[in-house]
Amino acid sequence: MKNLFRSLKSAKPAQRPPGRRLSIDISRIAAYAVGDVHGCYDQLMTLERIITADARRLPGPKLIVMLGDYVDRGPDSAQIVEHLLGSPPQGFHRICLMGNHEMAMLDYLDGHLSLEQWLQMGAAPTLLSYGVDVDHMRQVYRSSQELDDVIRSAIPGKHKEFLRSLPIIIDAAPFLFVHAGIRPGIPLDEQKDEDLVFIRSEFLSNAHLLKQWVVHGHTPVEKAGPEGRRINIDTGAYYSGRLSALRLWNRKGRIFST
C-alpha cells in the first residue's frame, strides 16, 4: 500500500497536447495585434472601436490577432471569452492565441494544476465572472474535490472548447505573433510551448539575436513599442486601464492604446 501511494505521488500529470502553430501571409492585409486583455472587457470594446475606425481608410482584408491572456486579474473574463467566441468586427478575421493564463486555466480544468496554484495567478476574478465565489464555496464544500467539481462544472463547455482550440504561435514572416516570446537560437519547430507562453529574461535580453520581428505581450511595459527586433504591446490593462494594439500594414507599424 505504501508503494502504491508513493507511485501515485511521484506520477507525472498527463502530457498536454502540443499547441497548433500557424503560418499565414499578411503581406496584403492590415493586421492588428492586441496585447494582454486580462478580463478588461470595457477596454477591449474601446480598442476594437479604435481599430475599426482606423481600418476604414485602409484597403483590402483586415485581421485581428489576439496575443493571449484573456482571463484572470480583471473582472470580466467570462464576458471576454464569450465575446471572442462571437464574430469579429465587420470586415475582419480574428485569430486568438494561447497565453500562459489560458494554459493555466486549462491545466486546472484538466486536473494538472491545483486550485491554489491557479488562484495565485489571479483566478479569483475569473471565477467570480462565472458566478463562483471561492471564499463562500469553501464554507459550503469542505472537500477540495467537491469544490473542484463545482468550479469545473461552472465553466461552459464552449468556453473549454475555445481554450483547447487556441493556437500557440503564428509565423507571418517577417513577423512572429506569440504571447511571451521565443528562445533565441532555437528553430521555430523546436520551440517549447511553455517557452512560447512563459519566457521572459532569456527572450527580453536577447532581442538583438532574433531573425524575425516578434510581436508579443506577457511582460507589462509602460509604453508599447519596439526594442531590438521585438515589439511588446502588453501595457498592463488590468491595472493601468491601457490596452494596446499594433497595426502592421505595408511593413510599417503603428501603436494604438485606450
Foldseek 3Di string as FASTA:
>chain_A
DVVVVVCVVPDADDDDPAFAEAEDACQAEKEKEWAAQAQVVVFVVVVLVVVVVVCVVPDDAYEYEYAENLHFLAQASVVSLVVVVDQRPPRYYYAYAYAVLLVQVLCLLVVNDAPVVNVVRGCQSVLVNLVDRPVVVCVVDVDSVVVSVVSSVSRDPVSSVVSSNHGAWYHHPLEIRGAAFFQAPDDPVPTGSCCRRPPDDNGVVPLQRDNHQYEYENDADCDWADDRRYTYQHPPCSPPVWIKMWIAYNNDIDMDID
